[in-house]
PDB file of N, CA and C in Angstrom:
ATOM      1  N   MET A   1      82.057 139.558 154.810  1.00  0.00           N
ATOM      2  CA  MET A   1      82.626 138.374 154.110  1.00  0.00           C
ATOM      3  C   MET A   1      82.854 137.298 155.077  1.00  0.00           C
ATOM      4  N   PHE A   2      82.638 136.318 154.254  1.00  0.00           N
ATOM      5  CA  PHE A   2      83.049 135.005 154.924  1.00  0.00           C
ATOM      6  C   PHE A   2      84.250 134.082 154.509  1.00  0.00           C
ATOM      7  N   PHE A   3      85.145 133.975 155.078  1.00  0.00           N
ATOM      8  CA  PHE A   3      86.457 133.287 154.657  1.00  0.00           C
ATOM      9  C   PHE A   3      86.360 131.756 155.346  1.00  0.00           C
ATOM     10  N   THR A   4      86.517 130.836 154.546  1.00  0.00           N
ATOM     11  CA  THR A   4      86.482 129.476 154.995  1.00  0.00           C
ATOM     12  C   THR A   4      87.890 128.800 154.406  1.00  0.00           C
ATOM     13  N   THR A   5      88.324 127.692 155.044  1.00  0.00           N
ATOM     14  CA  THR A   5      89.424 127.001 154.679  1.00  0.00           C
ATOM     15  C   THR A   5      88.713 126.018 153.575  1.00  0.00           C
ATOM     16  N   ALA A   6      89.693 125.756 152.655  1.00  0.00           N
ATOM     17  CA  ALA A   6      89.121 124.906 151.697  1.00  0.00           C
ATOM     18  C   ALA A   6      89.346 123.601 152.157  1.00  0.00           C
ATOM     19  N   PRO A   7      88.709 122.472 151.732  1.00  0.00           N
ATOM     20  CA  PRO A   7      88.669 121.026 152.254  1.00  0.00           C
ATOM     21  C   PRO A   7      90.198 120.473 151.802  1.00  0.00           C
ATOM     22  N   ALA A   8      90.616 119.591 152.761  1.00  0.00           N
ATOM     23  CA  ALA A   8      91.704 119.065 152.193  1.00  0.00           C
ATOM     24  C   ALA A   8      92.176 118.538 150.979  1.00  0.00           C
ATOM     25  N   ALA A   9      91.018 117.914 150.454  1.00  0.00           N
ATOM     26  CA  ALA A   9      91.158 117.225 149.035  1.00  0.00           C
ATOM     27  C   ALA A   9      91.404 118.172 148.059  1.00  0.00           C
ATOM     28  N   PHE A  10      90.741 119.388 148.404  1.00  0.00           N
ATOM     29  CA  PHE A  10      90.742 120.474 147.343  1.00  0.00           C
ATOM     30  C   PHE A  10      92.326 121.154 147.372  1.00  0.00           C
ATOM     31  N   GLN A  11      92.622 121.332 148.605  1.00  0.00           N
ATOM     32  CA  GLN A  11      94.079 121.927 148.744  1.00  0.00           C
ATOM     33  C   GLN A  11      95.066 120.922 148.026  1.00  0.00           C
ATOM     34  N   ALA A  12      94.968 119.517 148.356  1.00  0.00           N
ATOM     35  CA  ALA A  12      96.022 118.553 147.781  1.00  0.00           C
ATOM     36  C   ALA A  12      95.786 118.631 146.274  1.00  0.00           C
ATOM     37  N   SER A  13      94.782 119.020 145.699  1.00  0.00           N
ATOM     38  CA  SER A  13      94.707 118.845 144.004  1.00  0.00           C
ATOM     39  C   SER A  13      95.441 120.233 143.515  1.00  0.00           C
ATOM     40  N   LEU A  14      95.324 121.242 144.545  1.00  0.00           N
ATOM     41  CA  LEU A  14      96.147 122.421 144.080  1.00  0.00           C
ATOM     42  C   LEU A  14      97.542 122.618 143.981  1.00  0.00           C
ATOM     43  N   ARG A  15      98.003 121.308 144.778  1.00  0.00           N
ATOM     44  CA  ARG A  15      99.664 121.373 144.968  1.00  0.00           C
ATOM     45  C   ARG A  15      99.977 120.319 143.876  1.00  0.00           C
ATOM     46  N   ARG A  16      99.136 119.636 143.399  1.00  0.00           N
ATOM     47  CA  ARG A  16      99.536 118.652 142.497  1.00  0.00           C
ATOM     48  C   ARG A  16     100.157 119.302 141.221  1.00  0.00           C
ATOM     49  N   PRO A  17     101.080 118.912 140.437  1.00  0.00           N
ATOM     50  CA  PRO A  17     101.603 119.304 139.198  1.00  0.00           C
ATOM     51  C   PRO A  17     100.668 119.407 138.125  1.00  0.00           C
ATOM     52  N   ALA A  18     100.545 120.392 137.306  1.00  0.00           N
ATOM     53  CA  ALA A  18      99.794 120.397 136.061  1.00  0.00           C
ATOM     54  C   ALA A  18      99.786 119.090 135.160  1.00  0.00           C
ATOM     55  N   TYR A  19     100.967 118.446 135.241  1.00  0.00           N
ATOM     56  CA  TYR A  19     101.177 117.474 134.400  1.00  0.00           C
ATOM     57  C   TYR A  19     100.634 116.046 135.052  1.00  0.00           C
ATOM     58  N   ALA A  20     100.214 116.135 136.097  1.00  0.00           N
ATOM     59  CA  ALA A  20     100.215 115.018 136.860  1.00  0.00           C
ATOM     60  C   ALA A  20      99.278 113.887 136.244  1.00  0.00           C
ATOM     61  N   HIS A  21      98.245 114.473 135.464  1.00  0.00           N
ATOM     62  CA  HIS A  21      97.293 113.342 134.530  1.00  0.00           C
ATOM     63  C   HIS A  21      97.720 113.515 133.049  1.00  0.00           C
ATOM     64  N   GLY A  22      98.748 114.203 132.870  1.00  0.00           N
ATOM     65  CA  GLY A  22      98.997 114.552 131.332  1.00  0.00           C
ATOM     66  C   GLY A  22      99.100 113.208 130.567  1.00  0.00           C
ATOM     67  N   GLY A  23      99.608 112.091 131.278  1.00  0.00           N
ATOM     68  CA  GLY A  23      99.806 110.948 130.408  1.00  0.00           C
ATOM     69  C   GLY A  23      98.307 110.367 130.015  1.00  0.00           C
ATOM     70  N   ARG A  24      97.415 110.330 130.836  1.00  0.00           N
ATOM     71  CA  ARG A  24      96.076 109.826 130.413  1.00  0.00           C
ATOM     72  C   ARG A  24      95.506 110.854 129.536  1.00  0.00           C
ATOM     73  N   THR A  25      95.563 112.187 129.638  1.00  0.00           N
ATOM     74  CA  THR A  25      95.114 113.236 128.682  1.00  0.00           C
ATOM     75  C   THR A  25      95.816 112.864 127.241  1.00  0.00           C
ATOM     76  N   VAL A  26      97.079 112.770 127.242  1.00  0.00           N
ATOM     77  CA  VAL A  26      97.636 112.535 125.916  1.00  0.00           C
ATOM     78  C   VAL A  26      97.300 111.473 125.336  1.00  0.00           C
ATOM     79  N   GLU A  27      97.110 110.297 126.180  1.00  0.00           N
ATOM     80  CA  GLU A  27      96.495 109.045 125.663  1.00  0.00           C
ATOM     81  C   GLU A  27      95.180 109.128 125.030  1.00  0.00           C
ATOM     82  N   ARG A  28      94.363 109.810 125.897  1.00  0.00           N
ATOM     83  CA  ARG A  28      92.922 110.138 125.361  1.00  0.00           C
ATOM     84  C   ARG A  28      92.914 110.888 124.043  1.00  0.00           C
ATOM     85  N   PHE A  29      93.729 111.970 123.957  1.00  0.00           N
ATOM     86  CA  PHE A  29      93.787 112.843 122.768  1.00  0.00           C
ATOM     87  C   PHE A  29      94.360 111.883 121.507  1.00  0.00           C
ATOM     88  N   LEU A  30      95.335 111.039 121.816  1.00  0.00           N
ATOM     89  CA  LEU A  30      95.804 110.157 120.681  1.00  0.00           C
ATOM     90  C   LEU A  30      94.970 109.044 120.320  1.00  0.00           C
ATOM     91  N   ASN A  31      94.158 108.497 121.058  1.00  0.00           N
ATOM     92  CA  ASN A  31      93.110 107.516 120.914  1.00  0.00           C
ATOM     93  C   ASN A  31      91.891 108.424 120.219  1.00  0.00           C
ATOM     94  N   ASP A  32      91.526 109.571 120.571  1.00  0.00           N
ATOM     95  CA  ASP A  32      90.485 110.192 119.723  1.00  0.00           C
ATOM     96  C   ASP A  32      91.078 110.424 118.247  1.00  0.00           C
ATOM     97  N   ALA A  33      92.317 110.899 118.534  1.00  0.00           N
ATOM     98  CA  ALA A  33      92.883 111.173 117.022  1.00  0.00           C
ATOM     99  C   ALA A  33      92.948 110.021 116.013  1.00  0.00           C
ATOM    100  N   MET A  34      93.364 108.972 116.490  1.00  0.00           N
ATOM    101  CA  MET A  34      93.250 107.657 115.687  1.00  0.00           C
ATOM    102  C   MET A  34      91.789 107.206 115.419  1.00  0.00           C
ATOM    103  N   LEU A  35      91.161 107.422 116.343  1.00  0.00           N
ATOM    104  CA  LEU A  35      89.542 107.110 115.817  1.00  0.00           C
ATOM    105  C   LEU A  35      88.949 108.079 114.755  1.00  0.00           C
ATOM    106  N   SER A  36      89.211 109.429 114.947  1.00  0.00           N
ATOM    107  CA  SER A  36      88.745 110.433 114.045  1.00  0.00           C
ATOM    108  C   SER A  36      89.390 110.121 112.556  1.00  0.00           C
ATOM    109  N   ALA A  37      90.574 109.576 112.466  1.00  0.00           N
ATOM    110  CA  ALA A  37      91.365 109.252 111.416  1.00  0.00           C
ATOM    111  C   ALA A  37      90.655 108.267 110.611  1.00  0.00           C
ATOM    112  N   ARG A  38      90.236 107.146 111.491  1.00  0.00           N
ATOM    113  CA  ARG A  38      89.479 105.980 110.974  1.00  0.00           C
ATOM    114  C   ARG A  38      88.178 106.295 110.427  1.00  0.00           C
ATOM    115  N   GLN A  39      87.726 107.421 110.803  1.00  0.00           N
ATOM    116  CA  GLN A  39      86.202 107.823 110.426  1.00  0.00           C
ATOM    117  C   GLN A  39      86.450 109.111 109.635  1.00  0.00           C
ATOM    118  N   SER A  40      87.282 109.351 109.148  1.00  0.00           N
ATOM    119  CA  SER A  40      87.642 110.808 108.527  1.00  0.00           C
ATOM    120  C   SER A  40      87.146 110.684 107.018  1.00  0.00           C
ATOM    121  N   GLY A  41      86.258 109.803 106.634  1.00  0.00           N
ATOM    122  CA  GLY A  41      85.933 109.991 105.357  1.00  0.00           C
ATOM    123  C   GLY A  41      86.573 109.057 104.348  1.00  0.00           C
ATOM    124  N   THR A  42      87.307 108.100 104.810  1.00  0.00           N
ATOM    125  CA  THR A  42      88.041 107.093 104.016  1.00  0.00           C
ATOM    126  C   THR A  42      87.329 105.620 104.104  1.00  0.00           C
ATOM    127  N   ALA A  43      87.231 105.329 102.977  1.00  0.00           N
ATOM    128  CA  ALA A  43      86.451 103.840 102.796  1.00  0.00           C
ATOM    129  C   ALA A  43      87.231 102.904 101.958  1.00  0.00           C
ATOM    130  N   TYR A  44      87.534 101.754 102.558  1.00  0.00           N
ATOM    131  CA  TYR A  44      88.416 100.949 101.711  1.00  0.00           C
ATOM    132  C   TYR A  44      87.819  99.458 101.510  1.00  0.00           C
ATOM    133  N   THR A  45      87.813  99.206 100.206  1.00  0.00           N
ATOM    134  CA  THR A  45      87.212  97.708 100.068  1.00  0.00           C
ATOM    135  C   THR A  45      88.197  96.800  99.023  1.00  0.00           C
ATOM    136  N   GLN A  46      88.251  95.659  99.068  1.00  0.00           N
ATOM    137  CA  GLN A  46      89.031  94.975  97.951  1.00  0.00           C
ATOM    138  C   GLN A  46      88.063  93.503  97.620  1.00  0.00           C
ATOM    139  N   ASP A  47      88.390  93.148  96.457  1.00  0.00           N
ATOM    140  CA  ASP A  47      87.872  92.104  95.782  1.00  0.00           C
ATOM    141  C   ASP A  47      89.092  91.265  95.236  1.00  0.00           C
ATOM    142  N   ASP A  48      88.635  90.189  94.446  1.00  0.00           N
ATOM    143  CA  ASP A  48      90.001  89.515  93.889  1.00  0.00           C
ATOM    144  C   ASP A  48      90.833  90.306  92.787  1.00  0.00           C
ATOM    145  N   THR A  49      90.132  91.215  92.050  1.00  0.00           N
ATOM    146  CA  THR A  49      90.876  91.929  91.131  1.00  0.00           C
ATOM    147  C   THR A  49      91.262  93.228  91.276  1.00  0.00           C
ATOM    148  N   SER A  50      90.523  94.036  92.364  1.00  0.00           N
ATOM    149  CA  SER A  50      91.029  95.456  92.536  1.00  0.00           C
ATOM    150  C   SER A  50      90.714  95.904  94.046  1.00  0.00           C
ATOM    151  N   PHE A  51      91.322  97.253  94.355  1.00  0.00           N
ATOM    152  CA  PHE A  51      91.263  97.587  95.504  1.00  0.00           C
ATOM    153  C   PHE A  51      90.288  98.924  95.338  1.00  0.00           C
ATOM    154  N   THR A  52      89.266  99.405  96.090  1.00  0.00           N
ATOM    155  CA  THR A  52      88.423 100.513  95.988  1.00  0.00           C
ATOM    156  C   THR A  52      88.551 101.375  97.287  1.00  0.00           C
ATOM    157  N   LEU A  53      89.152 102.857  96.842  1.00  0.00           N
ATOM    158  CA  LEU A  53      89.450 103.524  97.813  1.00  0.00           C
ATOM    159  C   LEU A  53      88.423 104.908  97.613  1.00  0.00           C
ATOM    160  N   SER A  54      87.601 105.179  98.802  1.00  0.00           N
ATOM    161  CA  SER A  54      86.864 106.403  98.595  1.00  0.00           C
ATOM    162  C   SER A  54      87.541 107.302  99.488  1.00  0.00           C
ATOM    163  N   LEU A  55      87.522 108.772  99.334  1.00  0.00           N
ATOM    164  CA  LEU A  55      88.300 109.630 100.097  1.00  0.00           C
ATOM    165  C   LEU A  55      87.460 111.020 100.043  1.00  0.00           C
ATOM    166  N   ASP A  56      86.951 111.722 101.105  1.00  0.00           N
ATOM    167  CA  ASP A  56      86.447 112.898 101.268  1.00  0.00           C
ATOM    168  C   ASP A  56      87.478 113.751 100.801  1.00  0.00           C
ATOM    169  N   VAL A  57      87.286 114.717  99.690  1.00  0.00           N
ATOM    170  CA  VAL A  57      88.222 115.925  99.328  1.00  0.00           C
ATOM    171  C   VAL A  57      87.274 116.815  99.046  1.00  0.00           C
ATOM    172  N   PRO A  58      86.788 117.524  99.780  1.00  0.00           N
ATOM    173  CA  PRO A  58      85.648 118.595  99.692  1.00  0.00           C
ATOM    174  C   PRO A  58      86.396 120.075  99.323  1.00  0.00           C
ATOM    175  N   GLY A  59      85.923 120.635  98.250  1.00  0.00           N
ATOM    176  CA  GLY A  59      86.431 121.732  97.895  1.00  0.00           C
ATOM    177  C   GLY A  59      87.544 121.731  96.759  1.00  0.00           C
ATOM    178  N   ILE A  60      87.878 120.583  96.366  1.00  0.00           N
ATOM    179  CA  ILE A  60      88.770 120.483  95.352  1.00  0.00           C
ATOM    180  C   ILE A  60      88.450 119.974  94.315  1.00  0.00           C
ATOM    181  N   ALA A  61      88.848 120.554  92.933  1.00  0.00           N
ATOM    182  CA  ALA A  61      88.346 120.022  91.620  1.00  0.00           C
ATOM    183  C   ALA A  61      89.127 119.161  91.319  1.00  0.00           C
ATOM    184  N   LYS A  62      88.821 118.380  90.275  1.00  0.00           N
ATOM    185  CA  LYS A  62      89.530 117.246  89.767  1.00  0.00           C
ATOM    186  C   LYS A  62      90.703 117.741  89.007  1.00  0.00           C
ATOM    187  N   GLU A  63      90.628 118.937  88.522  1.00  0.00           N
ATOM    188  CA  GLU A  63      91.922 119.819  87.849  1.00  0.00           C
ATOM    189  C   GLU A  63      92.791 119.884  88.879  1.00  0.00           C
ATOM    190  N   HIS A  64      92.665 120.033  90.211  1.00  0.00           N
ATOM    191  CA  HIS A  64      93.659 120.407  91.112  1.00  0.00           C
ATOM    192  C   HIS A  64      94.081 119.210  92.033  1.00  0.00           C
ATOM    193  N   LEU A  65      93.793 118.053  91.402  1.00  0.00           N
ATOM    194  CA  LEU A  65      94.430 116.804  92.041  1.00  0.00           C
ATOM    195  C   LEU A  65      95.415 116.145  91.513  1.00  0.00           C
ATOM    196  N   ARG A  66      96.321 115.451  91.945  1.00  0.00           N
ATOM    197  CA  ARG A  66      97.456 114.815  91.287  1.00  0.00           C
ATOM    198  C   ARG A  66      97.190 113.212  92.037  1.00  0.00           C
ATOM    199  N   ILE A  67      97.347 112.229  91.077  1.00  0.00           N
ATOM    200  CA  ILE A  67      97.318 110.887  91.747  1.00  0.00           C
ATOM    201  C   ILE A  67      98.453 110.110  91.110  1.00  0.00           C
ATOM    202  N   ALA A  68      99.466 109.683  92.056  1.00  0.00           N
ATOM    203  CA  ALA A  68     100.535 108.910  91.551  1.00  0.00           C
ATOM    204  C   ALA A  68     100.619 107.623  92.209  1.00  0.00           C
ATOM    205  N   ILE A  69     100.955 106.531  91.111  1.00  0.00           N
ATOM    206  CA  ILE A  69     101.089 105.269  91.627  1.00  0.00           C
ATOM    207  C   ILE A  69     102.610 104.722  91.275  1.00  0.00           C
ATOM    208  N   ASP A  70     103.213 104.158  92.478  1.00  0.00           N
ATOM    209  CA  ASP A  70     104.405 103.690  92.488  1.00  0.00           C
ATOM    210  C   ASP A  70     104.370 102.322  92.960  1.00  0.00           C
ATOM    211  N   GLY A  71     104.243 101.361  92.389  1.00  0.00           N
ATOM    212  CA  GLY A  71     104.230  99.848  92.797  1.00  0.00           C
ATOM    213  C   GLY A  71     102.784  99.752  93.717  1.00  0.00           C
ATOM    214  N   ALA A  72     102.996  99.400  94.925  1.00  0.00           N
ATOM    215  CA  ALA A  72     101.914  99.108  95.744  1.00  0.00           C
ATOM    216  C   ALA A  72     101.517 100.625  96.536  1.00  0.00           C
ATOM    217  N   VAL A  73     102.228 101.734  96.321  1.00  0.00           N
ATOM    218  CA  VAL A  73     102.083 102.865  96.900  1.00  0.00           C
ATOM    219  C   VAL A  73     101.043 103.877  95.957  1.00  0.00           C
ATOM    220  N   VAL A  74      99.887 104.502  96.573  1.00  0.00           N
ATOM    221  CA  VAL A  74      99.232 105.486  95.987  1.00  0.00           C
ATOM    222  C   VAL A  74      99.365 106.794  96.602  1.00  0.00           C
ATOM    223  N   ARG A  75      99.825 107.937  95.752  1.00  0.00           N
ATOM    224  CA  ARG A  75      99.750 108.994  96.464  1.00  0.00           C
ATOM    225  C   ARG A  75      98.931 109.958  95.881  1.00  0.00           C
ATOM    226  N   ILE A  76      97.871 110.780  96.708  1.00  0.00           N
ATOM    227  CA  ILE A  76      97.037 111.610  96.141  1.00  0.00           C
ATOM    228  C   ILE A  76      97.557 113.133  96.676  1.00  0.00           C
ATOM    229  N   GLN A  77      97.486 114.195  96.073  1.00  0.00           N
ATOM    230  CA  GLN A  77      98.074 115.334  96.475  1.00  0.00           C
ATOM    231  C   GLN A  77      97.100 116.532  95.780  1.00  0.00           C
ATOM    232  N   SER A  78      97.103 117.606  96.193  1.00  0.00           N
ATOM    233  CA  SER A  78      96.557 118.822  95.664  1.00  0.00           C
ATOM    234  C   SER A  78      97.677 119.312  95.025  1.00  0.00           C
ATOM    235  N   LYS A  79      97.345 120.107  93.872  1.00  0.00           N
ATOM    236  CA  LYS A  79      98.443 120.947  93.063  1.00  0.00           C
ATOM    237  C   LYS A  79      98.673 122.340  93.744  1.00  0.00           C
ATOM    238  N   ASP A  80      99.525 122.689  93.448  1.00  0.00           N
ATOM    239  CA  ASP A  80      99.921 124.220  94.088  1.00  0.00           C
ATOM    240  C   ASP A  80      98.871 125.043  94.154  1.00  0.00           C
ATOM    241  N   ASP A  81      98.133 125.266  92.730  1.00  0.00           N
ATOM    242  CA  ASP A  81      97.267 125.911  92.646  1.00  0.00           C
ATOM    243  C   ASP A  81      95.807 125.906  93.194  1.00  0.00           C
ATOM    244  N   ALA A  82      95.687 124.827  93.763  1.00  0.00           N
ATOM    245  CA  ALA A  82      94.420 124.317  94.456  1.00  0.00           C
ATOM    246  C   ALA A  82      94.118 125.524  95.565  1.00  0.00           C
ATOM    247  N   PRO A  83      92.572 125.431  95.848  1.00  0.00           N
ATOM    248  CA  PRO A  83      92.335 126.366  96.999  1.00  0.00           C
ATOM    249  C   PRO A  83      92.364 125.803  98.268  1.00  0.00           C
ATOM    250  N   ARG A  84      92.670 124.267  98.432  1.00  0.00           N
ATOM    251  CA  ARG A  84      92.634 123.723  99.640  1.00  0.00           C
ATOM    252  C   ARG A  84      93.787 122.664  99.462  1.00  0.00           C
ATOM    253  N   ARG A  85      94.619 122.318 100.450  1.00  0.00           N
ATOM    254  CA  ARG A  85      95.521 121.622 100.594  1.00  0.00           C
ATOM    255  C   ARG A  85      95.094 119.962 100.869  1.00  0.00           C
ATOM    256  N   TYR A  86      95.571 119.308 100.157  1.00  0.00           N
ATOM    257  CA  TYR A  86      95.270 117.792 100.403  1.00  0.00           C
ATOM    258  C   TYR A  86      96.547 116.933 100.161  1.00  0.00           C
ATOM    259  N   ARG A  87      96.843 116.059 101.013  1.00  0.00           N
ATOM    260  CA  ARG A  87      97.897 114.967 100.915  1.00  0.00           C
ATOM    261  C   ARG A  87      97.646 114.010 101.496  1.00  0.00           C
ATOM    262  N   ALA A  88      97.882 112.890 100.844  1.00  0.00           N
ATOM    263  CA  ALA A  88      97.832 111.423 101.595  1.00  0.00           C
ATOM    264  C   ALA A  88      98.444 110.460 100.672  1.00  0.00           C
ATOM    265  N   ALA A  89      98.952 109.441 101.334  1.00  0.00           N
ATOM    266  CA  ALA A  89      99.500 108.095 100.744  1.00  0.00           C
ATOM    267  C   ALA A  89      99.019 106.755 101.270  1.00  0.00           C
ATOM    268  N   TYR A  90      98.730 105.899 100.352  1.00  0.00           N
ATOM    269  CA  TYR A  90      98.467 104.632 100.987  1.00  0.00           C
ATOM    270  C   TYR A  90      99.272 103.668 100.305  1.00  0.00           C
ATOM    271  N   GLU A  91      99.713 102.735 101.104  1.00  0.00           N
ATOM    272  CA  GLU A  91     100.411 101.484 100.818  1.00  0.00           C
ATOM    273  C   GLU A  91      99.541 100.286 100.625  1.00  0.00           C
ATOM    274  N   PHE A  92      99.303  99.534  99.533  1.00  0.00           N
ATOM    275  CA  PHE A  92      98.478  98.364  99.389  1.00  0.00           C
ATOM    276  C   PHE A  92      99.381  96.960  99.566  1.00  0.00           C
ATOM    277  N   PRO A  93      98.730  96.086  99.667  1.00  0.00           N
ATOM    278  CA  PRO A  93      99.327  94.577  99.884  1.00  0.00           C
ATOM    279  C   PRO A  93      99.950  93.948  98.752  1.00  0.00           C
ATOM    280  N   GLN A  94      99.382  94.536  97.455  1.00  0.00           N
ATOM    281  CA  GLN A  94      99.777  94.095  96.169  1.00  0.00           C
ATOM    282  C   GLN A  94     100.010  95.317  95.401  1.00  0.00           C
ATOM    283  N   GLU A  95     100.868  95.051  94.439  1.00  0.00           N
ATOM    284  CA  GLU A  95     101.322  96.089  93.610  1.00  0.00           C
ATOM    285  C   GLU A  95      99.811  96.501  92.600  1.00  0.00           C
ATOM    286  N   VAL A  96      99.849  97.978  92.243  1.00  0.00           N
ATOM    287  CA  VAL A  96      98.549  98.519  91.464  1.00  0.00           C
ATOM    288  C   VAL A  96      98.955  98.560  90.087  1.00  0.00           C
ATOM    289  N   ASP A  97      97.942  98.336  89.241  1.00  0.00           N
ATOM    290  CA  ASP A  97      98.305  98.128  87.723  1.00  0.00           C
ATOM    291  C   ASP A  97      97.505  99.752  87.238  1.00  0.00           C
ATOM    292  N   SER A  98      98.536 100.698  86.889  1.00  0.00           N
ATOM    293  CA  SER A  98      97.857 101.927  86.805  1.00  0.00           C
ATOM    294  C   SER A  98      97.220 101.902  85.429  1.00  0.00           C
ATOM    295  N   ALA A  99      97.429 101.270  84.454  1.00  0.00           N
ATOM    296  CA  ALA A  99      96.943 101.173  83.319  1.00  0.00           C
ATOM    297  C   ALA A  99      95.461 100.521  83.328  1.00  0.00           C
ATOM    298  N   LEU A 100      95.175  99.871  84.309  1.00  0.00           N
ATOM    299  CA  LEU A 100      93.645  99.487  84.365  1.00  0.00           C
ATOM    300  C   LEU A 100      93.094 100.260  85.702  1.00  0.00           C
ATOM    301  N   SER A 101      93.520 100.968  86.083  1.00  0.00           N
ATOM    302  CA  SER A 101      93.013 101.685  87.522  1.00  0.00           C
ATOM    303  C   SER A 101      92.390 102.926  86.901  1.00  0.00           C
ATOM    304  N   GLU A 102      91.265 103.469  87.538  1.00  0.00           N
ATOM    305  CA  GLU A 102      90.480 104.617  87.166  1.00  0.00           C
ATOM    306  C   GLU A 102      90.207 105.341  88.437  1.00  0.00           C
ATOM    307  N   ALA A 103      89.952 106.593  88.299  1.00  0.00           N
ATOM    308  CA  ALA A 103      89.577 107.535  89.361  1.00  0.00           C
ATOM    309  C   ALA A 103      88.360 108.682  88.970  1.00  0.00           C
ATOM    310  N   LYS A 104      87.726 108.654  90.043  1.00  0.00           N
ATOM    311  CA  LYS A 104      86.395 109.529  89.645  1.00  0.00           C
ATOM    312  C   LYS A 104      86.139 110.327  91.028  1.00  0.00           C
ATOM    313  N   LEU A 105      85.928 111.745  90.510  1.00  0.00           N
ATOM    314  CA  LEU A 105      85.381 112.526  91.726  1.00  0.00           C
ATOM    315  C   LEU A 105      84.286 113.098  91.373  1.00  0.00           C
ATOM    316  N   GLU A 106      83.151 112.866  92.373  1.00  0.00           N
ATOM    317  CA  GLU A 106      81.979 113.159  92.296  1.00  0.00           C
ATOM    318  C   GLU A 106      81.514 113.774  93.615  1.00  0.00           C
ATOM    319  N   ASN A 107      80.839 115.108  93.692  1.00  0.00           N
ATOM    320  CA  ASN A 107      80.326 115.603  94.951  1.00  0.00           C
ATOM    321  C   ASN A 107      81.290 115.614  96.162  1.00  0.00           C
ATOM    322  N   GLY A 108      82.460 115.717  95.766  1.00  0.00           N
ATOM    323  CA  GLY A 108      83.600 115.807  96.931  1.00  0.00           C
ATOM    324  C   GLY A 108      84.012 114.721  97.317  1.00  0.00           C
ATOM    325  N   VAL A 109      83.714 113.703  96.530  1.00  0.00           N
ATOM    326  CA  VAL A 109      84.151 112.350  96.981  1.00  0.00           C
ATOM    327  C   VAL A 109      85.149 111.626  96.077  1.00  0.00           C
ATOM    328  N   LEU A 110      86.416 111.455  96.117  1.00  0.00           N
ATOM    329  CA  LEU A 110      87.091 110.905  95.337  1.00  0.00           C
ATOM    330  C   LEU A 110      87.228 109.370  95.480  1.00  0.00           C
ATOM    331  N   THR A 111      86.949 108.647  94.300  1.00  0.00           N
ATOM    332  CA  THR A 111      86.907 107.193  94.292  1.00  0.00           C
ATOM    333  C   THR A 111      87.847 106.444  93.374  1.00  0.00           C
ATOM    334  N   LEU A 112      88.767 105.939  94.018  1.00  0.00           N
ATOM    335  CA  LEU A 112      89.791 105.143  93.087  1.00  0.00           C
ATOM    336  C   LEU A 112      89.431 103.612  92.980  1.00  0.00           C
ATOM    337  N   LYS A 113      89.374 103.250  92.055  1.00  0.00           N
ATOM    338  CA  LYS A 113      89.503 101.931  91.720  1.00  0.00           C
ATOM    339  C   LYS A 113      90.743 101.453  91.088  1.00  0.00           C
ATOM    340  N   LEU A 114      91.385 100.742  91.845  1.00  0.00           N
ATOM    341  CA  LEU A 114      92.659 100.281  91.634  1.00  0.00           C
ATOM    342  C   LEU A 114      92.786  98.824  91.423  1.00  0.00           C
ATOM    343  N   ALA A 115      93.273  98.584  89.995  1.00  0.00           N
ATOM    344  CA  ALA A 115      93.395  97.219  89.543  1.00  0.00           C
ATOM    345  C   ALA A 115      94.570  96.552  90.166  1.00  0.00           C
ATOM    346  N   LYS A 116      94.555  95.304  90.780  1.00  0.00           N
ATOM    347  CA  LYS A 116      95.787  94.617  91.289  1.00  0.00           C
ATOM    348  C   LYS A 116      96.530  94.241  90.038  1.00  0.00           C
ATOM    349  N   LYS A 117      97.814  94.262  90.072  1.00  0.00           N
ATOM    350  CA  LYS A 117      98.698  93.818  89.137  1.00  0.00           C
ATOM    351  C   LYS A 117      98.819  92.334  89.364  1.00  0.00           C
ATOM    352  N   VAL A 118      98.791  91.661  88.251  1.00  0.00           N
ATOM    353  CA  VAL A 118      98.867  90.327  88.186  1.00  0.00           C
ATOM    354  C   VAL A 118     100.308  89.823  88.521  1.00  0.00           C
ATOM    355  N   PRO A 119     100.545  88.895  89.446  1.00  0.00           N
ATOM    356  CA  PRO A 119     101.958  88.508  89.660  1.00  0.00           C
ATOM    357  C   PRO A 119     102.505  87.949  88.434  1.00  0.00           C
ATOM    358  N   VAL A 120     103.616  88.234  88.069  1.00  0.00           N
ATOM    359  CA  VAL A 120     104.245  87.335  87.009  1.00  0.00           C
ATOM    360  C   VAL A 120     105.046  86.433  87.554  1.00  0.00           C
ATOM    361  N   ASP A 121     105.188  84.968  87.217  1.00  0.00           N
ATOM    362  CA  ASP A 121     106.222  84.138  87.697  1.00  0.00           C
ATOM    363  C   ASP A 121     107.471  84.200  86.891  1.00  0.00           C
ATOM    364  N   THR A 122     108.437  84.838  87.509  1.00  0.00           N
ATOM    365  CA  THR A 122     109.722  85.001  86.870  1.00  0.00           C
ATOM    366  C   THR A 122     110.930  83.854  87.286  1.00  0.00           C
ATOM    367  N   SER A 123     110.282  82.955  87.863  1.00  0.00           N
ATOM    368  CA  SER A 123     111.217  81.574  88.050  1.00  0.00           C
ATOM    369  C   SER A 123     111.523  80.750  86.928  1.00  0.00           C
ATOM    370  N   ALA A 124     112.763  80.417  86.939  1.00  0.00           N
ATOM    371  CA  ALA A 124     113.001  79.892  85.838  1.00  0.00           C
ATOM    372  C   ALA A 124     113.901  78.412  86.214  1.00  0.00           C
ATOM    373  N   GLU A 125     114.066  77.258  85.428  1.00  0.00           N
ATOM    374  CA  GLU A 125     115.010  76.370  85.697  1.00  0.00           C
ATOM    375  C   GLU A 125     116.325  76.489  84.997  1.00  0.00           C
ATOM    376  N   LEU A 126     117.447  76.250  85.647  1.00  0.00           N
ATOM    377  CA  LEU A 126     118.645  76.281  84.827  1.00  0.00           C
ATOM    378  C   LEU A 126     119.098  75.009  84.537  1.00  0.00           C
ATOM    379  N   THR A 127     119.340  74.692  83.443  1.00  0.00           N
ATOM    380  CA  THR A 127     119.875  73.200  82.931  1.00  0.00           C
ATOM    381  C   THR A 127     121.458  73.168  83.068  1.00  0.00           C
ATOM    382  N   ILE A 128     121.738  72.090  83.793  1.00  0.00           N
ATOM    383  CA  ILE A 128     123.148  71.912  84.173  1.00  0.00           C
ATOM    384  C   ILE A 128     124.010  71.261  83.018  1.00  0.00           C
ATOM    385  N   GLN A 129     125.093  71.814  82.528  1.00  0.00           N
ATOM    386  CA  GLN A 129     125.966  71.430  81.453  1.00  0.00           C
ATOM    387  C   GLN A 129     126.991  70.494  81.733  1.00  0.00           C
TER     388      GLN A 129
END
């Protein structure tokens, strides 16, 4: 058997604490997570009258999804009896008109066409008596 001493650089790396590069590892992990969230099967577009949001919800039937609209917030959630769990919430820059909005589920892709609520001018002029 042959025994050799390890190079000084290798010995120094053995003495380094395990968390020495932890900051970069965590940063890289968070960046990867944020990138994957942006590419996770969500598409968003808007025009003058509506927002369109497409989401990948594989394995969930339309009977197992619940969509709630509260002002400018849209919540999508699987029901308790669904075979898979899904939960997401999106806040839009303008309130959504639920009466004119529609949802469609095809091939595991949920597409929401959310009508923008027309802002109502509530300003009034008060007469001085």
